[in-house]
């Protein structure tokens, strides 16, 4: 297929880990914080609708949001050309970055940047927020996932973690994402990207319907 893009997101933003059902009415709204509304005609660049959601079957079949689910809490949305009037604005190329993705290569102590739209507590889901800090393994989750000191709350799920990030240019590499937190603990946690993540990414390229891998 031509004329599509892939959007990284959390598995739990795409599939129900207790039923395996895919989400419906999944939208991507570029630069949401510049015009925070779900009325597509009123957003800055319009909306892109997912024509396929591709995730890991071990997430969708986990039965609950357990260690298996958190370790595979990643997915990709395949979005067709969207925007106001169904076309891609020429200026969008300059407004929305495309990031590379790494399936490993980050280690405890590396500095990563986490981005998201937290909506609980002091946040309202309208502003793009970020945390930056050294990552560590989550010992409470058998070291299967990464952690980072961060006070982002619910609503930030699926936001990317970028390694090798340069603040002046906004360039970085997708290396994890916002997945979960613990009540009373000001940390964010995310899956370790690996060959399973790569298999989901590969399956998403050109996918025309919801797919679970393997």
C-alpha atoms as a PDB file:
ATOM      1  CA  UNK A   1       0.000   0.000   0.000  1.00  0.00           C
ATOM      2  CA  UNK A   2       1.034   3.568  -0.602  1.00  0.00           C
ATOM      3  CA  UNK A   3       0.150   6.794   1.130  1.00  0.00           C
ATOM      4  CA  UNK A   4      -0.001   5.591   4.726  1.00  0.00           C
ATOM      5  CA  UNK A   5       1.894   6.246   7.941  1.00  0.00           C
ATOM      6  CA  UNK A   6       2.616   4.234  11.085  1.00  0.00           C
ATOM      7  CA  UNK A   7       1.937   5.687  14.521  1.00  0.00           C
ATOM      8  CA  UNK A   8       3.510   4.073  17.584  1.00  0.00           C
ATOM      9  CA  UNK A   9       1.135   3.633  20.514  1.00  0.00           C
ATOM     10  CA  UNK A  10       0.594   1.467  23.574  1.00  0.00           C
ATOM     11  CA  UNK A  11      -0.964  -1.956  23.239  1.00  0.00           C
ATOM     12  CA  UNK A  12      -3.658  -0.981  25.732  1.00  0.00           C
ATOM     13  CA  UNK A  13      -4.568   2.015  23.534  1.00  0.00           C
ATOM     14  CA  UNK A  14      -5.296  -0.431  20.702  1.00  0.00           C
ATOM     15  CA  UNK A  15      -6.435  -3.744  22.157  1.00  0.00           C
ATOM     16  CA  UNK A  16      -8.277  -4.949  25.255  1.00  0.00           C
ATOM     17  CA  UNK A  17      -5.953  -7.300  27.113  1.00  0.00           C
ATOM     18  CA  UNK A  18      -8.914  -9.203  28.616  1.00  0.00           C
ATOM     19  CA  UNK A  19     -10.985  -9.762  25.468  1.00  0.00           C
ATOM     20  CA  UNK A  20      -8.499  -9.262  22.634  1.00  0.00           C
ATOM     21  CA  UNK A  21     -10.854  -6.815  20.924  1.00  0.00           C
ATOM     22  CA  UNK A  22      -9.430  -3.943  18.898  1.00  0.00           C
ATOM     23  CA  UNK A  23     -10.267  -0.331  19.657  1.00  0.00           C
ATOM     24  CA  UNK A  24     -12.718   1.557  17.470  1.00  0.00           C
ATOM     25  CA  UNK A  25     -12.632   5.138  16.154  1.00  0.00           C
ATOM     26  CA  UNK A  26      -8.858   5.425  16.648  1.00  0.00           C
ATOM     27  CA  UNK A  27      -7.603   8.880  15.583  1.00  0.00           C
ATOM     28  CA  UNK A  28      -4.226  10.539  15.235  1.00  0.00           C
ATOM     29  CA  UNK A  29      -4.309  14.340  15.621  1.00  0.00           C
ATOM     30  CA  UNK A  30      -0.932  15.965  14.811  1.00  0.00           C
ATOM     31  CA  UNK A  31       0.149  18.861  17.029  1.00  0.00           C
ATOM     32  CA  UNK A  32      -2.898  18.387  19.224  1.00  0.00           C
ATOM     33  CA  UNK A  33      -1.802  20.910  21.860  1.00  0.00           C
ATOM     34  CA  UNK A  34      -1.903  23.808  19.392  1.00  0.00           C
ATOM     35  CA  UNK A  35      -5.683  23.370  19.031  1.00  0.00           C
ATOM     36  CA  UNK A  36      -6.823  20.829  21.660  1.00  0.00           C
ATOM     37  CA  UNK A  37     -10.156  19.628  20.338  1.00  0.00           C
ATOM     38  CA  UNK A  38     -11.558  16.362  19.009  1.00  0.00           C
ATOM     39  CA  UNK A  39     -13.565  18.202  16.355  1.00  0.00           C
ATOM     40  CA  UNK A  40     -11.364  17.430  13.384  1.00  0.00           C
ATOM     41  CA  UNK A  41     -12.328  20.509  11.399  1.00  0.00           C
ATOM     42  CA  UNK A  42     -11.154  22.695  14.274  1.00  0.00           C
ATOM     43  CA  UNK A  43      -7.751  21.078  14.785  1.00  0.00           C
ATOM     44  CA  UNK A  44      -4.629  22.575  13.256  1.00  0.00           C
ATOM     45  CA  UNK A  45      -3.994  19.856  10.694  1.00  0.00           C
ATOM     46  CA  UNK A  46      -7.075  17.645  10.866  1.00  0.00           C
ATOM     47  CA  UNK A  47      -7.380  13.981  11.857  1.00  0.00           C
ATOM     48  CA  UNK A  48      -6.017  10.702  10.572  1.00  0.00           C
ATOM     49  CA  UNK A  49      -8.143   7.585  11.100  1.00  0.00           C
ATOM     50  CA  UNK A  50      -6.560   4.194  11.765  1.00  0.00           C
ATOM     51  CA  UNK A  51      -7.424   1.645   9.098  1.00  0.00           C
ATOM     52  CA  UNK A  52      -5.514  -1.066  10.967  1.00  0.00           C
ATOM     53  CA  UNK A  53      -4.218  -1.633  14.486  1.00  0.00           C
ATOM     54  CA  UNK A  54      -1.347  -4.097  14.784  1.00  0.00           C
ATOM     55  CA  UNK A  55      -0.304  -5.448  18.172  1.00  0.00           C
ATOM     56  CA  UNK A  56       1.270  -8.405  19.928  1.00  0.00           C
ATOM     57  CA  UNK A  57      -0.973 -11.402  20.630  1.00  0.00           C
ATOM     58  CA  UNK A  58       0.717 -11.865  24.012  1.00  0.00           C
ATOM     59  CA  UNK A  59      -0.701  -8.516  25.043  1.00  0.00           C
ATOM     60  CA  UNK A  60      -4.189  -9.141  23.687  1.00  0.00           C
ATOM     61  CA  UNK A  61      -4.314 -12.612  25.257  1.00  0.00           C
ATOM     62  CA  UNK A  62      -2.747 -11.707  28.609  1.00  0.00           C
ATOM     63  CA  UNK A  63      -6.069 -11.868  30.460  1.00  0.00           C
ATOM     64  CA  UNK A  64      -5.247  -8.845  32.634  1.00  0.00           C
ATOM     65  CA  UNK A  65      -2.771  -5.996  32.755  1.00  0.00           C
ATOM     66  CA  UNK A  66      -0.089  -8.289  34.169  1.00  0.00           C
ATOM     67  CA  UNK A  67       3.631  -8.777  33.575  1.00  0.00           C
ATOM     68  CA  UNK A  68       2.991 -10.457  30.206  1.00  0.00           C
ATOM     69  CA  UNK A  69       0.826  -7.545  29.091  1.00  0.00           C
ATOM     70  CA  UNK A  70       3.224  -4.809  30.210  1.00  0.00           C
ATOM     71  CA  UNK A  71       6.192  -6.499  28.526  1.00  0.00           C
ATOM     72  CA  UNK A  72       4.270  -6.444  25.210  1.00  0.00           C
ATOM     73  CA  UNK A  73       2.395  -3.158  25.639  1.00  0.00           C
ATOM     74  CA  UNK A  74       3.183  -1.731  22.212  1.00  0.00           C
ATOM     75  CA  UNK A  75       1.264  -1.449  18.942  1.00  0.00           C
ATOM     76  CA  UNK A  76       1.217   0.458  15.670  1.00  0.00           C
ATOM     77  CA  UNK A  77      -1.705   2.216  14.033  1.00  0.00           C
ATOM     78  CA  UNK A  78      -1.791   2.318  10.247  1.00  0.00           C
ATOM     79  CA  UNK A  79      -3.296   5.648   9.231  1.00  0.00           C
ATOM     80  CA  UNK A  80      -4.302   6.696   5.753  1.00  0.00           C
ATOM     81  CA  UNK A  81      -3.837  10.181   4.379  1.00  0.00           C
ATOM     82  CA  UNK A  82      -6.042  12.489   6.403  1.00  0.00           C
ATOM     83  CA  UNK A  83      -6.203  16.150   7.240  1.00  0.00           C
ATOM     84  CA  UNK A  84      -8.835  18.738   6.535  1.00  0.00           C
ATOM     85  CA  UNK A  85     -10.680  17.883   3.354  1.00  0.00           C
ATOM     86  CA  UNK A  86      -9.044  14.444   3.190  1.00  0.00           C
ATOM     87  CA  UNK A  87      -5.672  15.691   1.947  1.00  0.00           C
ATOM     88  CA  UNK A  88      -2.297  16.076   3.601  1.00  0.00           C
ATOM     89  CA  UNK A  89      -1.376  19.744   4.049  1.00  0.00           C
ATOM     90  CA  UNK A  90       1.994  20.591   2.514  1.00  0.00           C
ATOM     91  CA  UNK A  91       3.101  22.293   5.732  1.00  0.00           C
ATOM     92  CA  UNK A  92       2.547  19.110   7.723  1.00  0.00           C
ATOM     93  CA  UNK A  93       5.929  17.724   6.704  1.00  0.00           C
ATOM     94  CA  UNK A  94       7.588  20.547   8.613  1.00  0.00           C
ATOM     95  CA  UNK A  95       5.243  20.267  11.585  1.00  0.00           C
ATOM     96  CA  UNK A  96       5.278  16.534  12.296  1.00  0.00           C
ATOM     97  CA  UNK A  97       8.537  14.664  12.749  1.00  0.00           C
ATOM     98  CA  UNK A  98       9.154  11.120  11.639  1.00  0.00           C
ATOM     99  CA  UNK A  99      11.269   9.111  14.065  1.00  0.00           C
ATOM    100  CA  UNK A 100      13.463   6.077  13.698  1.00  0.00           C
ATOM    101  CA  UNK A 101      12.911   3.144  16.020  1.00  0.00           C
ATOM    102  CA  UNK A 102      15.386   0.949  17.909  1.00  0.00           C
ATOM    103  CA  UNK A 103      14.708  -2.626  19.028  1.00  0.00           C
ATOM    104  CA  UNK A 104      17.269  -2.596  21.805  1.00  0.00           C
ATOM    105  CA  UNK A 105      20.499  -0.765  22.423  1.00  0.00           C
ATOM    106  CA  UNK A 106      19.372   1.193  25.484  1.00  0.00           C
ATOM    107  CA  UNK A 107      20.600   0.287  28.943  1.00  0.00           C
ATOM    108  CA  UNK A 108      20.022   1.153  32.573  1.00  0.00           C
ATOM    109  CA  UNK A 109      21.433   4.599  33.243  1.00  0.00           C
ATOM    110  CA  UNK A 110      20.824   5.919  29.724  1.00  0.00           C
ATOM    111  CA  UNK A 111      18.981   9.233  29.496  1.00  0.00           C
ATOM    112  CA  UNK A 112      15.665   9.080  27.639  1.00  0.00           C
ATOM    113  CA  UNK A 113      12.893  11.610  27.091  1.00  0.00           C
ATOM    114  CA  UNK A 114       9.232  10.643  27.594  1.00  0.00           C
ATOM    115  CA  UNK A 115       6.403  12.645  25.988  1.00  0.00           C
ATOM    116  CA  UNK A 116       2.662  12.535  26.522  1.00  0.00           C
ATOM    117  CA  UNK A 117      -0.627  14.267  27.195  1.00  0.00           C
ATOM    118  CA  UNK A 118      -1.366  13.502  30.884  1.00  0.00           C
ATOM    119  CA  UNK A 119      -4.980  14.195  31.823  1.00  0.00           C
ATOM    120  CA  UNK A 120      -5.335  13.249  35.507  1.00  0.00           C
ATOM    121  CA  UNK A 121      -4.460  15.194  38.639  1.00  0.00           C
ATOM    122  CA  UNK A 122      -3.077  18.635  37.863  1.00  0.00           C
ATOM    123  CA  UNK A 123      -3.117  17.926  34.120  1.00  0.00           C
ATOM    124  CA  UNK A 124      -6.008  18.369  31.696  1.00  0.00           C
ATOM    125  CA  UNK A 125      -4.828  16.463  28.613  1.00  0.00           C
ATOM    126  CA  UNK A 126      -4.346  19.631  26.567  1.00  0.00           C
ATOM    127  CA  UNK A 127      -0.586  20.190  26.777  1.00  0.00           C
ATOM    128  CA  UNK A 128       2.273  18.112  25.438  1.00  0.00           C
ATOM    129  CA  UNK A 129       4.413  17.309  28.480  1.00  0.00           C
ATOM    130  CA  UNK A 130       7.775  15.606  28.834  1.00  0.00           C
ATOM    131  CA  UNK A 131      10.078  14.016  31.378  1.00  0.00           C
ATOM    132  CA  UNK A 132      13.778  13.339  30.977  1.00  0.00           C
ATOM    133  CA  UNK A 133      15.992  11.117  33.058  1.00  0.00           C
ATOM    134  CA  UNK A 134      18.001   7.953  33.477  1.00  0.00           C
ATOM    135  CA  UNK A 135      16.116   4.713  32.935  1.00  0.00           C
ATOM    136  CA  UNK A 136      16.177   1.697  35.225  1.00  0.00           C
ATOM    137  CA  UNK A 137      14.557  -1.732  35.277  1.00  0.00           C
ATOM    138  CA  UNK A 138      11.323  -2.220  37.202  1.00  0.00           C
ATOM    139  CA  UNK A 139      12.212  -4.717  39.914  1.00  0.00           C
ATOM    140  CA  UNK A 140       8.528  -4.947  40.896  1.00  0.00           C
ATOM    141  CA  UNK A 141       7.830  -6.279  37.403  1.00  0.00           C
ATOM    142  CA  UNK A 142      10.602  -8.884  37.259  1.00  0.00           C
ATOM    143  CA  UNK A 143      12.859  -6.402  35.381  1.00  0.00           C
ATOM    144  CA  UNK A 144      10.869  -6.945  32.178  1.00  0.00           C
ATOM    145  CA  UNK A 145      10.187  -3.218  31.721  1.00  0.00           C
ATOM    146  CA  UNK A 146      11.918   0.153  31.974  1.00  0.00           C
ATOM    147  CA  UNK A 147      11.233   2.885  34.517  1.00  0.00           C
ATOM    148  CA  UNK A 148      11.927   6.621  34.609  1.00  0.00           C
ATOM    149  CA  UNK A 149      11.341   9.259  37.284  1.00  0.00           C
ATOM    150  CA  UNK A 150       8.306  11.141  35.942  1.00  0.00           C
ATOM    151  CA  UNK A 151       5.101  12.641  37.330  1.00  0.00           C
ATOM    152  CA  UNK A 152       2.970  12.294  34.197  1.00  0.00           C
ATOM    153  CA  UNK A 153      -0.443  10.785  34.947  1.00  0.00           C
ATOM    154  CA  UNK A 154      -3.206   8.876  33.180  1.00  0.00           C
ATOM    155  CA  UNK A 155      -3.806  10.023  29.624  1.00  0.00           C
ATOM    156  CA  UNK A 156      -0.129   9.975  28.705  1.00  0.00           C
ATOM    157  CA  UNK A 157      -0.247   6.304  27.669  1.00  0.00           C
ATOM    158  CA  UNK A 158       1.378   5.540  24.335  1.00  0.00           C
ATOM    159  CA  UNK A 159       3.547   8.648  24.341  1.00  0.00           C
ATOM    160  CA  UNK A 160       7.037   7.898  23.007  1.00  0.00           C
ATOM    161  CA  UNK A 161      10.317   7.525  24.865  1.00  0.00           C
ATOM    162  CA  UNK A 162      13.149   8.888  22.742  1.00  0.00           C
ATOM    163  CA  UNK A 163      16.792   7.954  23.093  1.00  0.00           C
ATOM    164  CA  UNK A 164      19.655  10.011  21.635  1.00  0.00           C
ATOM    165  CA  UNK A 165      17.295  12.975  21.772  1.00  0.00           C
ATOM    166  CA  UNK A 166      18.523  16.475  20.897  1.00  0.00           C
ATOM    167  CA  UNK A 167      16.399  19.223  22.414  1.00  0.00           C
ATOM    168  CA  UNK A 168      17.400  21.869  19.880  1.00  0.00           C
ATOM    169  CA  UNK A 169      16.328  19.801  16.871  1.00  0.00           C
ATOM    170  CA  UNK A 170      13.665  17.487  18.308  1.00  0.00           C
ATOM    171  CA  UNK A 171      15.411  14.496  16.753  1.00  0.00           C
ATOM    172  CA  UNK A 172      15.533  11.184  18.589  1.00  0.00           C
ATOM    173  CA  UNK A 173      14.899   7.447  18.314  1.00  0.00           C
ATOM    174  CA  UNK A 174      11.799   5.616  19.535  1.00  0.00           C
ATOM    175  CA  UNK A 175      12.968   3.246  22.271  1.00  0.00           C
ATOM    176  CA  UNK A 176       9.968   2.697  24.582  1.00  0.00           C
ATOM    177  CA  UNK A 177       6.661   4.354  25.494  1.00  0.00           C
ATOM    178  CA  UNK A 178       4.456   5.369  28.408  1.00  0.00           C
ATOM    179  CA  UNK A 179       2.740   2.213  29.621  1.00  0.00           C
ATOM    180  CA  UNK A 180       1.875   2.216  33.335  1.00  0.00           C
ATOM    181  CA  UNK A 181       2.601   3.563  36.782  1.00  0.00           C
ATOM    182  CA  UNK A 182       2.041   2.726  40.445  1.00  0.00           C
ATOM    183  CA  UNK A 183      -0.200   4.690  42.772  1.00  0.00           C
ATOM    184  CA  UNK A 184       1.853   7.043  44.936  1.00  0.00           C
ATOM    185  CA  UNK A 185       5.074   6.468  42.942  1.00  0.00           C
ATOM    186  CA  UNK A 186       6.253   9.318  40.694  1.00  0.00           C
ATOM    187  CA  UNK A 187       7.679   7.081  37.994  1.00  0.00           C
ATOM    188  CA  UNK A 188       6.585   6.129  34.488  1.00  0.00           C
ATOM    189  CA  UNK A 189       7.209   2.649  33.108  1.00  0.00           C
ATOM    190  CA  UNK A 190       7.446   1.281  29.582  1.00  0.00           C
ATOM    191  CA  UNK A 191       8.193  -1.931  27.666  1.00  0.00           C
ATOM    192  CA  UNK A 192      11.635  -2.930  26.489  1.00  0.00           C
ATOM    193  CA  UNK A 193      11.615  -2.790  22.698  1.00  0.00           C
ATOM    194  CA  UNK A 194      13.027  -5.985  21.190  1.00  0.00           C
ATOM    195  CA  UNK A 195      12.551  -8.440  18.336  1.00  0.00           C
ATOM    196  CA  UNK A 196       8.878  -8.827  19.292  1.00  0.00           C
ATOM    197  CA  UNK A 197       8.415  -5.085  18.773  1.00  0.00           C
ATOM    198  CA  UNK A 198      10.159  -5.359  15.434  1.00  0.00           C
ATOM    199  CA  UNK A 199       7.844  -8.176  14.344  1.00  0.00           C
ATOM    200  CA  UNK A 200       4.812  -6.024  15.152  1.00  0.00           C
ATOM    201  CA  UNK A 201       6.318  -3.088  13.252  1.00  0.00           C
ATOM    202  CA  UNK A 202       7.048  -5.272  10.230  1.00  0.00           C
ATOM    203  CA  UNK A 203       3.504  -6.652  10.233  1.00  0.00           C
ATOM    204  CA  UNK A 204       2.095  -3.115  10.424  1.00  0.00           C
ATOM    205  CA  UNK A 205       3.842  -2.017   7.233  1.00  0.00           C
ATOM    206  CA  UNK A 206       1.092  -2.175   4.631  1.00  0.00           C
ATOM    207  CA  UNK A 207      -1.464  -3.851   6.923  1.00  0.00           C
ATOM    208  CA  UNK A 208      -5.055  -3.402   5.740  1.00  0.00           C
ATOM    209  CA  UNK A 209      -6.853  -4.782   8.819  1.00  0.00           C
ATOM    210  CA  UNK A 210      -6.448  -5.352  12.522  1.00  0.00           C
ATOM    211  CA  UNK A 211      -3.652  -7.855  13.141  1.00  0.00           C
ATOM    212  CA  UNK A 212      -2.132  -9.593  16.142  1.00  0.00           C
ATOM    213  CA  UNK A 213       1.433 -10.972  15.953  1.00  0.00           C
ATOM    214  CA  UNK A 214       2.489 -13.761  15.967  1.00  0.00           C
END
